Amino acid sequence: MRPYTSEEISAFAKWLTQACQEVGLTAEQYGAKVRIIAQSHFLTEEVECRPDGDGNLRWWWSWGKPIAARNDSARVLTPDEVDDLVDVIRQVVTLPIRRRP
């Protein structure tokens, strides 16, 4: 597997940032990382595009796990599966906040 350049990785991050913004999420790019800020500002997530142990480029949650498909947690998403990736991210950052009674 050939190594990816920082320009290629940043291009994937830019693509994800724009896709998140198109569906109404606030997203900011910082190199290979994309910060998604929920409307409530309580659920902010930062994902990063970087190679896995085998050199395959993947998206990673802030807690260090690769991002998997919404309906198949065994299938890790590739960087160019942006629509599926946005769906998974939106599911995480738009969870309703539980209010204490």
PDB file of N, CA and C in Angstrom:
ATOM      1  N   MET A   1       0.847  -1.173   0.000  1.00  0.00           N
ATOM      2  CA  MET A   1       0.000   0.000   0.000  1.00  0.00           C
ATOM      3  C   MET A   1       0.892   1.234   0.000  1.00  0.00           C
ATOM      4  N   ARG A   2       0.614   2.162  -0.891  1.00  0.00           N
ATOM      5  CA  ARG A   2       1.426   3.372  -0.961  1.00  0.00           C
ATOM      6  C   ARG A   2       1.054   4.327   0.165  1.00  0.00           C
ATOM      7  N   PRO A   3       2.004   5.096   0.643  1.00  0.00           N
ATOM      8  CA  PRO A   3       1.677   6.063   1.695  1.00  0.00           C
ATOM      9  C   PRO A   3       0.868   7.232   1.125  1.00  0.00           C
ATOM     10  N   TYR A   4       0.011   7.781   1.941  1.00  0.00           N
ATOM     11  CA  TYR A   4      -0.800   8.929   1.541  1.00  0.00           C
ATOM     12  C   TYR A   4      -0.082  10.208   1.929  1.00  0.00           C
ATOM     13  N   THR A   5      -0.205  11.225   1.084  1.00  0.00           N
ATOM     14  CA  THR A   5       0.392  12.517   1.398  1.00  0.00           C
ATOM     15  C   THR A   5      -0.551  13.302   2.306  1.00  0.00           C
ATOM     16  N   SER A   6      -0.006  14.271   3.002  1.00  0.00           N
ATOM     17  CA  SER A   6      -0.847  15.101   3.862  1.00  0.00           C
ATOM     18  C   SER A   6      -1.860  15.884   3.034  1.00  0.00           C
ATOM     19  N   GLU A   7      -1.517  16.212   1.790  1.00  0.00           N
ATOM     20  CA  GLU A   7      -2.461  16.911   0.907  1.00  0.00           C
ATOM     21  C   GLU A   7      -3.654  16.029   0.566  1.00  0.00           C
ATOM     22  N   GLU A   8      -3.402  14.749   0.306  1.00  0.00           N
ATOM     23  CA  GLU A   8      -4.497  13.820   0.013  1.00  0.00           C
ATOM     24  C   GLU A   8      -5.403  13.645   1.221  1.00  0.00           C
ATOM     25  N   ILE A   9      -4.804  13.500   2.386  1.00  0.00           N
ATOM     26  CA  ILE A   9      -5.590  13.325   3.606  1.00  0.00           C
ATOM     27  C   ILE A   9      -6.390  14.580   3.910  1.00  0.00           C
ATOM     28  N   SER A  10      -5.784  15.743   3.739  1.00  0.00           N
ATOM     29  CA  SER A  10      -6.504  17.011   3.949  1.00  0.00           C
ATOM     30  C   SER A  10      -7.656  17.167   2.963  1.00  0.00           C
ATOM     31  N   ALA A  11      -7.486  16.656   1.748  1.00  0.00           N
ATOM     32  CA  ALA A  11      -8.565  16.725   0.753  1.00  0.00           C
ATOM     33  C   ALA A  11      -9.766  15.894   1.209  1.00  0.00           C
ATOM     34  N   PHE A  12      -9.526  14.716   1.789  1.00  0.00           N
ATOM     35  CA  PHE A  12     -10.629  13.916   2.335  1.00  0.00           C
ATOM     36  C   PHE A  12     -11.314  14.664   3.474  1.00  0.00           C
ATOM     37  N   ALA A  13     -10.523  15.307   4.327  1.00  0.00           N
ATOM     38  CA  ALA A  13     -11.087  16.063   5.445  1.00  0.00           C
ATOM     39  C   ALA A  13     -11.918  17.245   4.938  1.00  0.00           C
ATOM     40  N   LYS A  14     -11.456  17.888   3.898  1.00  0.00           N
ATOM     41  CA  LYS A  14     -12.217  19.006   3.319  1.00  0.00           C
ATOM     42  C   LYS A  14     -13.537  18.501   2.757  1.00  0.00           C
ATOM     43  N   TRP A  15     -13.505  17.369   2.078  1.00  0.00           N
ATOM     44  CA  TRP A  15     -14.706  16.766   1.502  1.00  0.00           C
ATOM     45  C   TRP A  15     -15.713  16.453   2.608  1.00  0.00           C
ATOM     46  N   LEU A  16     -15.227  15.844   3.703  1.00  0.00           N
ATOM     47  CA  LEU A  16     -16.120  15.529   4.811  1.00  0.00           C
ATOM     48  C   LEU A  16     -16.679  16.807   5.437  1.00  0.00           C
ATOM     49  N   THR A  17     -15.852  17.808   5.617  1.00  0.00           N
ATOM     50  CA  THR A  17     -16.305  19.080   6.197  1.00  0.00           C
ATOM     51  C   THR A  17     -17.440  19.665   5.371  1.00  0.00           C
ATOM     52  N   GLN A  18     -17.260  19.712   4.077  1.00  0.00           N
ATOM     53  CA  GLN A  18     -18.286  20.269   3.189  1.00  0.00           C
ATOM     54  C   GLN A  18     -19.562  19.429   3.217  1.00  0.00           C
ATOM     55  N   ALA A  19     -19.416  18.102   3.238  1.00  0.00           N
ATOM     56  CA  ALA A  19     -20.592  17.220   3.270  1.00  0.00           C
ATOM     57  C   ALA A  19     -21.375  17.409   4.571  1.00  0.00           C
ATOM     58  N   CYS A  20     -20.677  17.577   5.675  1.00  0.00           N
ATOM     59  CA  CYS A  20     -21.351  17.821   6.957  1.00  0.00           C
ATOM     60  C   CYS A  20     -22.096  19.152   6.912  1.00  0.00           C
ATOM     61  N   GLN A  21     -21.469  20.174   6.377  1.00  0.00           N
ATOM     62  CA  GLN A  21     -22.094  21.493   6.281  1.00  0.00           C
ATOM     63  C   GLN A  21     -23.331  21.462   5.385  1.00  0.00           C
ATOM     64  N   GLU A  22     -23.291  20.665   4.329  1.00  0.00           N
ATOM     65  CA  GLU A  22     -24.427  20.563   3.407  1.00  0.00           C
ATOM     66  C   GLU A  22     -25.669  19.986   4.071  1.00  0.00           C
ATOM     67  N   VAL A  23     -25.488  19.164   5.108  1.00  0.00           N
ATOM     68  CA  VAL A  23     -26.650  18.588   5.805  1.00  0.00           C
ATOM     69  C   VAL A  23     -27.003  19.378   7.069  1.00  0.00           C
ATOM     70  N   GLY A  24     -26.376  20.539   7.239  1.00  0.00           N
ATOM     71  CA  GLY A  24     -26.746  21.419   8.335  1.00  0.00           C
ATOM     72  C   GLY A  24     -25.919  21.287   9.602  1.00  0.00           C
ATOM     73  N   LEU A  25     -24.854  20.508   9.562  1.00  0.00           N
ATOM     74  CA  LEU A  25     -23.977  20.395  10.725  1.00  0.00           C
ATOM     75  C   LEU A  25     -22.908  21.488  10.657  1.00  0.00           C
ATOM     76  N   THR A  26     -22.490  21.962  11.801  1.00  0.00           N
ATOM     77  CA  THR A  26     -21.379  22.903  11.856  1.00  0.00           C
ATOM     78  C   THR A  26     -20.104  22.083  11.897  1.00  0.00           C
ATOM     79  N   ALA A  27     -19.264  22.230  10.883  1.00  0.00           N
ATOM     80  CA  ALA A  27     -18.034  21.448  10.788  1.00  0.00           C
ATOM     81  C   ALA A  27     -16.871  22.360  10.446  1.00  0.00           C
ATOM     82  N   GLU A  28     -15.752  22.099  11.086  1.00  0.00           N
ATOM     83  CA  GLU A  28     -14.536  22.881  10.877  1.00  0.00           C
ATOM     84  C   GLU A  28     -13.384  21.916  10.624  1.00  0.00           C
ATOM     85  N   GLN A  29     -12.565  22.228   9.638  1.00  0.00           N
ATOM     86  CA  GLN A  29     -11.436  21.373   9.307  1.00  0.00           C
ATOM     87  C   GLN A  29     -10.155  21.914   9.926  1.00  0.00           C
ATOM     88  N   TYR A  30      -9.365  21.006  10.489  1.00  0.00           N
ATOM     89  CA  TYR A  30      -8.054  21.323  11.035  1.00  0.00           C
ATOM     90  C   TYR A  30      -7.072  20.281  10.508  1.00  0.00           C
ATOM     91  N   GLY A  31      -6.589  20.477   9.299  1.00  0.00           N
ATOM     92  CA  GLY A  31      -5.693  19.501   8.666  1.00  0.00           C
ATOM     93  C   GLY A  31      -6.431  18.215   8.373  1.00  0.00           C
ATOM     94  N   ALA A  32      -6.014  17.118   9.008  1.00  0.00           N
ATOM     95  CA  ALA A  32      -6.645  15.810   8.806  1.00  0.00           C
ATOM     96  C   ALA A  32      -7.833  15.590   9.728  1.00  0.00           C
ATOM     97  N   LYS A  33      -8.099  16.556  10.614  1.00  0.00           N
ATOM     98  CA  LYS A  33      -9.198  16.417  11.571  1.00  0.00           C
ATOM     99  C   LYS A  33     -10.368  17.310  11.189  1.00  0.00           C
ATOM    100  N   VAL A  34     -11.557  16.814  11.525  1.00  0.00           N
ATOM    101  CA  VAL A  34     -12.783  17.581  11.313  1.00  0.00           C
ATOM    102  C   VAL A  34     -13.531  17.611  12.634  1.00  0.00           C
ATOM    103  N   ARG A  35     -13.826  18.811  13.096  1.00  0.00           N
ATOM    104  CA  ARG A  35     -14.613  18.984  14.328  1.00  0.00           C
ATOM    105  C   ARG A  35     -16.043  19.273  13.919  1.00  0.00           C
ATOM    106  N   ILE A  36     -16.964  18.476  14.449  1.00  0.00           N
ATOM    107  CA  ILE A  36     -18.391  18.639  14.176  1.00  0.00           C
ATOM    108  C   ILE A  36     -19.037  19.097  15.472  1.00  0.00           C
ATOM    109  N   ILE A  37     -19.666  20.262  15.422  1.00  0.00           N
ATOM    110  CA  ILE A  37     -20.262  20.864  16.602  1.00  0.00           C
ATOM    111  C   ILE A  37     -21.773  20.744  16.492  1.00  0.00           C
ATOM    112  N   ALA A  38     -22.371  20.081  17.461  1.00  0.00           N
ATOM    113  CA  ALA A  38     -23.824  19.912  17.455  1.00  0.00           C
ATOM    114  C   ALA A  38     -24.489  21.244  17.761  1.00  0.00           C
ATOM    115  N   GLN A  39     -25.730  21.370  17.347  1.00  0.00           N
ATOM    116  CA  GLN A  39     -26.468  22.606  17.588  1.00  0.00           C
ATOM    117  C   GLN A  39     -26.553  22.915  19.072  1.00  0.00           C
ATOM    118  N   SER A  40     -26.629  21.898  19.898  1.00  0.00           N
ATOM    119  CA  SER A  40     -26.731  22.107  21.340  1.00  0.00           C
ATOM    120  C   SER A  40     -25.380  22.483  21.952  1.00  0.00           C
ATOM    121  N   HIS A  41     -24.304  22.296  21.213  1.00  0.00           N
ATOM    122  CA  HIS A  41     -22.928  22.525  21.654  1.00  0.00           C
ATOM    123  C   HIS A  41     -22.511  21.596  22.793  1.00  0.00           C
ATOM    124  N   PHE A  42     -23.348  20.643  23.158  1.00  0.00           N
ATOM    125  CA  PHE A  42     -22.985  19.675  24.184  1.00  0.00           C
ATOM    126  C   PHE A  42     -22.308  18.451  23.579  1.00  0.00           C
ATOM    127  N   LEU A  43     -22.646  18.156  22.345  1.00  0.00           N
ATOM    128  CA  LEU A  43     -22.115  16.960  21.704  1.00  0.00           C
ATOM    129  C   LEU A  43     -21.225  17.356  20.522  1.00  0.00           C
ATOM    130  N   THR A  44     -20.004  17.623  20.807  1.00  0.00           N
ATOM    131  CA  THR A  44     -19.040  17.947  19.767  1.00  0.00           C
ATOM    132  C   THR A  44     -18.152  16.737  19.566  1.00  0.00           C
ATOM    133  N   GLU A  45     -17.886  16.411  18.318  1.00  0.00           N
ATOM    134  CA  GLU A  45     -17.041  15.257  18.012  1.00  0.00           C
ATOM    135  C   GLU A  45     -15.950  15.685  17.039  1.00  0.00           C
ATOM    136  N   GLU A  46     -14.786  15.109  17.208  1.00  0.00           N
ATOM    137  CA  GLU A  46     -13.675  15.369  16.307  1.00  0.00           C
ATOM    138  C   GLU A  46     -13.241  14.034  15.716  1.00  0.00           C
ATOM    139  N   VAL A  47     -13.271  13.941  14.393  1.00  0.00           N
ATOM    140  CA  VAL A  47     -12.845  12.722  13.712  1.00  0.00           C
ATOM    141  C   VAL A  47     -11.577  13.028  12.930  1.00  0.00           C
ATOM    142  N   GLU A  48     -10.789  11.992  12.713  1.00  0.00           N
ATOM    143  CA  GLU A  48      -9.506  12.174  12.040  1.00  0.00           C
ATOM    144  C   GLU A  48      -9.341  11.145  10.938  1.00  0.00           C
ATOM    145  N   CYS A  49      -8.783  11.572   9.828  1.00  0.00           N
ATOM    146  CA  CYS A  49      -8.461  10.682   8.716  1.00  0.00           C
ATOM    147  C   CYS A  49      -6.980  10.326   8.825  1.00  0.00           C
ATOM    148  N   ARG A  50      -6.698   9.017   8.977  1.00  0.00           N
ATOM    149  CA  ARG A  50      -5.315   8.559   9.066  1.00  0.00           C
ATOM    150  C   ARG A  50      -5.256   7.073   8.736  1.00  0.00           C
ATOM    151  N   PRO A  51      -4.070   6.567   8.398  1.00  0.00           N
ATOM    152  CA  PRO A  51      -3.937   5.148   8.063  1.00  0.00           C
ATOM    153  C   PRO A  51      -4.094   4.249   9.288  1.00  0.00           C
ATOM    154  N   ASP A  52      -4.607   3.039   9.036  1.00  0.00           N
ATOM    155  CA  ASP A  52      -4.667   2.037  10.098  1.00  0.00           C
ATOM    156  C   ASP A  52      -3.350   1.260  10.111  1.00  0.00           C
ATOM    157  N   GLY A  53      -3.271   0.208  10.881  1.00  0.00           N
ATOM    158  CA  GLY A  53      -2.046  -0.585  11.001  1.00  0.00           C
ATOM    159  C   GLY A  53      -1.593  -1.234   9.706  1.00  0.00           C
ATOM    160  N   ASP A  54      -2.522  -1.439   8.763  1.00  0.00           N
ATOM    161  CA  ASP A  54      -2.184  -2.041   7.476  1.00  0.00           C
ATOM    162  C   ASP A  54      -1.910  -0.994   6.400  1.00  0.00           C
ATOM    163  N   GLY A  55      -1.978   0.287   6.766  1.00  0.00           N
ATOM    164  CA  GLY A  55      -1.731   1.355   5.801  1.00  0.00           C
ATOM    165  C   GLY A  55      -2.958   1.811   5.047  1.00  0.00           C
ATOM    166  N   ASN A  56      -4.139   1.246   5.382  1.00  0.00           N
ATOM    167  CA  ASN A  56      -5.384   1.667   4.738  1.00  0.00           C
ATOM    168  C   ASN A  56      -5.893   2.941   5.399  1.00  0.00           C
ATOM    169  N   LEU A  57      -6.252   3.904   4.597  1.00  0.00           N
ATOM    170  CA  LEU A  57      -6.737   5.168   5.132  1.00  0.00           C
ATOM    171  C   LEU A  57      -8.140   4.982   5.682  1.00  0.00           C
ATOM    172  N   ARG A  58      -8.357   5.430   6.914  1.00  0.00           N
ATOM    173  CA  ARG A  58      -9.636   5.278   7.607  1.00  0.00           C
ATOM    174  C   ARG A  58      -9.971   6.554   8.354  1.00  0.00           C
ATOM    175  N   TRP A  59     -11.239   6.649   8.768  1.00  0.00           N
ATOM    176  CA  TRP A  59     -11.687   7.718   9.657  1.00  0.00           C
ATOM    177  C   TRP A  59     -11.746   7.153  11.057  1.00  0.00           C
ATOM    178  N   TRP A  60     -11.323   7.965  12.041  1.00  0.00           N
ATOM    179  CA  TRP A  60     -11.243   7.524  13.430  1.00  0.00           C
ATOM    180  C   TRP A  60     -12.027   8.460  14.326  1.00  0.00           C
ATOM    181  N   TRP A  61     -12.754   7.882  15.301  1.00  0.00           N
ATOM    182  CA  TRP A  61     -13.417   8.669  16.325  1.00  0.00           C
ATOM    183  C   TRP A  61     -12.369   9.258  17.256  1.00  0.00           C
ATOM    184  N   SER A  62     -12.748  10.259  18.015  1.00  0.00           N
ATOM    185  CA  SER A  62     -11.819  10.898  18.956  1.00  0.00           C
ATOM    186  C   SER A  62     -11.346   9.929  20.040  1.00  0.00           C
ATOM    187  N   TRP A  63     -12.094   8.875  20.286  1.00  0.00           N
ATOM    188  CA  TRP A  63     -11.702   7.896  21.316  1.00  0.00           C
ATOM    189  C   TRP A  63     -10.862   6.758  20.742  1.00  0.00           C
ATOM    190  N   GLY A  64     -10.397   6.901  19.478  1.00  0.00           N
ATOM    191  CA  GLY A  64      -9.428   5.969  18.920  1.00  0.00           C
ATOM    192  C   GLY A  64      -9.960   4.758  18.189  1.00  0.00           C
ATOM    193  N   LYS A  65     -11.254   4.681  17.953  1.00  0.00           N
ATOM    194  CA  LYS A  65     -11.846   3.550  17.225  1.00  0.00           C
ATOM    195  C   LYS A  65     -12.134   3.967  15.783  1.00  0.00           C
ATOM    196  N   PRO A  66     -11.932   3.039  14.825  1.00  0.00           N
ATOM    197  CA  PRO A  66     -12.292   3.370  13.440  1.00  0.00           C
ATOM    198  C   PRO A  66     -13.812   3.486  13.306  1.00  0.00           C
ATOM    199  N   ILE A  67     -14.250   4.330  12.409  1.00  0.00           N
ATOM    200  CA  ILE A  67     -15.688   4.540  12.226  1.00  0.00           C
ATOM    201  C   ILE A  67     -16.246   3.456  11.325  1.00  0.00           C
ATOM    202  N   ALA A  68     -17.249   2.759  11.837  1.00  0.00           N
ATOM    203  CA  ALA A  68     -17.873   1.646  11.120  1.00  0.00           C
ATOM    204  C   ALA A  68     -19.183   2.095  10.490  1.00  0.00           C
ATOM    205  N   ALA A  69     -19.663   1.288   9.567  1.00  0.00           N
ATOM    206  CA  ALA A  69     -20.939   1.552   8.908  1.00  0.00           C
ATOM    207  C   ALA A  69     -22.063   1.515   9.933  1.00  0.00           C
ATOM    208  N   ARG A  70     -23.063   2.320   9.702  1.00  0.00           N
ATOM    209  CA  ARG A  70     -24.183   2.438  10.647  1.00  0.00           C
ATOM    210  C   ARG A  70     -24.938   1.127  10.824  1.00  0.00           C
ATOM    211  N   ASN A  71     -25.152   0.402   9.732  1.00  0.00           N
ATOM    212  CA  ASN A  71     -25.943  -0.832   9.778  1.00  0.00           C
ATOM    213  C   ASN A  71     -25.095  -2.104   9.812  1.00  0.00           C
ATOM    214  N   ASP A  72     -23.761  -1.953   9.832  1.00  0.00           N
ATOM    215  CA  ASP A  72     -22.873  -3.111   9.858  1.00  0.00           C
ATOM    216  C   ASP A  72     -21.603  -2.721  10.605  1.00  0.00           C
ATOM    217  N   SER A  73     -21.620  -2.874  11.907  1.00  0.00           N
ATOM    218  CA  SER A  73     -20.504  -2.409  12.730  1.00  0.00           C
ATOM    219  C   SER A  73     -19.192  -3.151  12.452  1.00  0.00           C
ATOM    220  N   ALA A  74     -19.250  -4.256  11.729  1.00  0.00           N
ATOM    221  CA  ALA A  74     -18.034  -4.983  11.391  1.00  0.00           C
ATOM    222  C   ALA A  74     -17.341  -4.392  10.161  1.00  0.00           C
ATOM    223  N   ARG A  75     -18.048  -3.544   9.413  1.00  0.00           N
ATOM    224  CA  ARG A  75     -17.467  -2.964   8.192  1.00  0.00           C
ATOM    225  C   ARG A  75     -17.001  -1.537   8.472  1.00  0.00           C
ATOM    226  N   VAL A  76     -15.696  -1.352   8.436  1.00  0.00           N
ATOM    227  CA  VAL A  76     -15.109  -0.034   8.659  1.00  0.00           C
ATOM    228  C   VAL A  76     -15.221   0.771   7.372  1.00  0.00           C
ATOM    229  N   LEU A  77     -15.670   2.009   7.509  1.00  0.00           N
ATOM    230  CA  LEU A  77     -15.859   2.866   6.338  1.00  0.00           C
ATOM    231  C   LEU A  77     -14.525   3.333   5.762  1.00  0.00           C
ATOM    232  N   THR A  78     -14.492   3.482   4.447  1.00  0.00           N
ATOM    233  CA  THR A  78     -13.325   4.037   3.773  1.00  0.00           C
ATOM    234  C   THR A  78     -13.510   5.552   3.661  1.00  0.00           C
ATOM    235  N   PRO A  79     -12.440   6.289   3.440  1.00  0.00           N
ATOM    236  CA  PRO A  79     -12.557   7.748   3.397  1.00  0.00           C
ATOM    237  C   PRO A  79     -13.489   8.286   2.315  1.00  0.00           C
ATOM    238  N   ASP A  80     -13.691   7.533   1.248  1.00  0.00           N
ATOM    239  CA  ASP A  80     -14.550   8.043   0.179  1.00  0.00           C
ATOM    240  C   ASP A  80     -16.025   7.672   0.341  1.00  0.00           C
ATOM    241  N   GLU A  81     -16.392   7.032   1.434  1.00  0.00           N
ATOM    242  CA  GLU A  81     -17.796   6.738   1.738  1.00  0.00           C
ATOM    243  C   GLU A  81     -18.384   7.876   2.581  1.00  0.00           C
ATOM    244  N   VAL A  82     -18.307   9.078   2.029  1.00  0.00           N
ATOM    245  CA  VAL A  82     -18.647  10.284   2.780  1.00  0.00           C
ATOM    246  C   VAL A  82     -20.115  10.329   3.183  1.00  0.00           C
ATOM    247  N   ASP A  83     -21.022   9.939   2.319  1.00  0.00           N
ATOM    248  CA  ASP A  83     -22.445   9.986   2.672  1.00  0.00           C
ATOM    249  C   ASP A  83     -22.742   9.089   3.870  1.00  0.00           C
ATOM    250  N   ASP A  84     -22.202   7.878   3.865  1.00  0.00           N
ATOM    251  CA  ASP A  84     -22.394   6.965   4.995  1.00  0.00           C
ATOM    252  C   ASP A  84     -21.729   7.522   6.249  1.00  0.00           C
ATOM    253  N   LEU A  85     -20.566   8.105   6.075  1.00  0.00           N
ATOM    254  CA  LEU A  85     -19.836   8.684   7.197  1.00  0.00           C
ATOM    255  C   LEU A  85     -20.616   9.826   7.836  1.00  0.00           C
ATOM    256  N   VAL A  86     -21.185  10.695   7.028  1.00  0.00           N
ATOM    257  CA  VAL A  86     -21.983  11.810   7.553  1.00  0.00           C
ATOM    258  C   VAL A  86     -23.191  11.285   8.321  1.00  0.00           C
ATOM    259  N   ASP A  87     -23.834  10.249   7.820  1.00  0.00           N
ATOM    260  CA  ASP A  87     -24.979   9.657   8.525  1.00  0.00           C
ATOM    261  C   ASP A  87     -24.585   9.161   9.912  1.00  0.00           C
ATOM    262  N   VAL A  88     -23.436   8.491  10.008  1.00  0.00           N
ATOM    263  CA  VAL A  88     -22.975   7.965  11.292  1.00  0.00           C
ATOM    264  C   VAL A  88     -22.633   9.120  12.233  1.00  0.00           C
ATOM    265  N   ILE A  89     -21.933  10.112  11.732  1.00  0.00           N
ATOM    266  CA  ILE A  89     -21.554  11.260  12.566  1.00  0.00           C
ATOM    267  C   ILE A  89     -22.795  12.003  13.034  1.00  0.00           C
ATOM    268  N   ARG A  90     -23.736  12.214  12.132  1.00  0.00           N
ATOM    269  CA  ARG A  90     -24.962  12.931  12.506  1.00  0.00           C
ATOM    270  C   ARG A  90     -25.714  12.184  13.598  1.00  0.00           C
ATOM    271  N   GLN A  91     -25.723  10.875  13.526  1.00  0.00           N
ATOM    272  CA  GLN A  91     -26.386  10.065  14.555  1.00  0.00           C
ATOM    273  C   GLN A  91     -25.736  10.300  15.922  1.00  0.00           C
ATOM    274  N   VAL A  92     -24.432  10.470  15.953  1.00  0.00           N
ATOM    275  CA  VAL A  92     -23.722  10.663  17.223  1.00  0.00           C
ATOM    276  C   VAL A  92     -23.926  12.067  17.770  1.00  0.00           C
ATOM    277  N   VAL A  93     -23.782  13.086  16.936  1.00  0.00           N
ATOM    278  CA  VAL A  93     -23.824  14.460  17.456  1.00  0.00           C
ATOM    279  C   VAL A  93     -25.222  15.029  17.613  1.00  0.00           C
ATOM    280  N   THR A  94     -26.237  14.311  17.176  1.00  0.00           N
ATOM    281  CA  THR A  94     -27.599  14.829  17.324  1.00  0.00           C
ATOM    282  C   THR A  94     -28.429  14.023  18.311  1.00  0.00           C
ATOM    283  N   LEU A  95     -27.762  13.237  19.133  1.00  0.00           N
ATOM    284  CA  LEU A  95     -28.492  12.505  20.167  1.00  0.00           C
ATOM    285  C   LEU A  95     -29.159  13.501  21.095  1.00  0.00           C
ATOM    286  N   PRO A  96     -30.403  13.246  21.462  1.00  0.00           N
ATOM    287  CA  PRO A  96     -31.060  14.177  22.389  1.00  0.00           C
ATOM    288  C   PRO A  96     -30.425  14.114  23.771  1.00  0.00           C
ATOM    289  N   ILE A  97     -30.303  15.251  24.399  1.00  0.00           N
ATOM    290  CA  ILE A  97     -29.750  15.336  25.743  1.00  0.00           C
ATOM    291  C   ILE A  97     -30.836  14.948  26.737  1.00  0.00           C
ATOM    292  N   ARG A  98     -30.514  14.043  27.645  1.00  0.00           N
ATOM    293  CA  ARG A  98     -31.479  13.656  28.674  1.00  0.00           C
ATOM    294  C   ARG A  98     -31.493  14.723  29.764  1.00  0.00           C
ATOM    295  N   ARG A  99     -32.639  15.141  30.087  1.00  0.00           N
ATOM    296  CA  ARG A  99     -32.805  16.118  31.166  1.00  0.00           C
ATOM    297  C   ARG A  99     -33.165  15.387  32.449  1.00  0.00           C
ATOM    298  N   ARG A 100     -32.617  15.833  33.527  1.00  0.00           N
ATOM    299  CA  ARG A 100     -32.966  15.225  34.819  1.00  0.00           C
ATOM    300  C   ARG A 100     -34.324  15.714  35.235  1.00  0.00           C
ATOM    301  N   PRO A 101     -35.136  14.815  35.821  1.00  0.00           N
ATOM    302  CA  PRO A 101     -36.488  15.211  36.225  1.00  0.00           C
ATOM    303  C   PRO A 101     -36.492  16.186  37.387  1.00  0.00           C
TER     304      PRO A 101
END
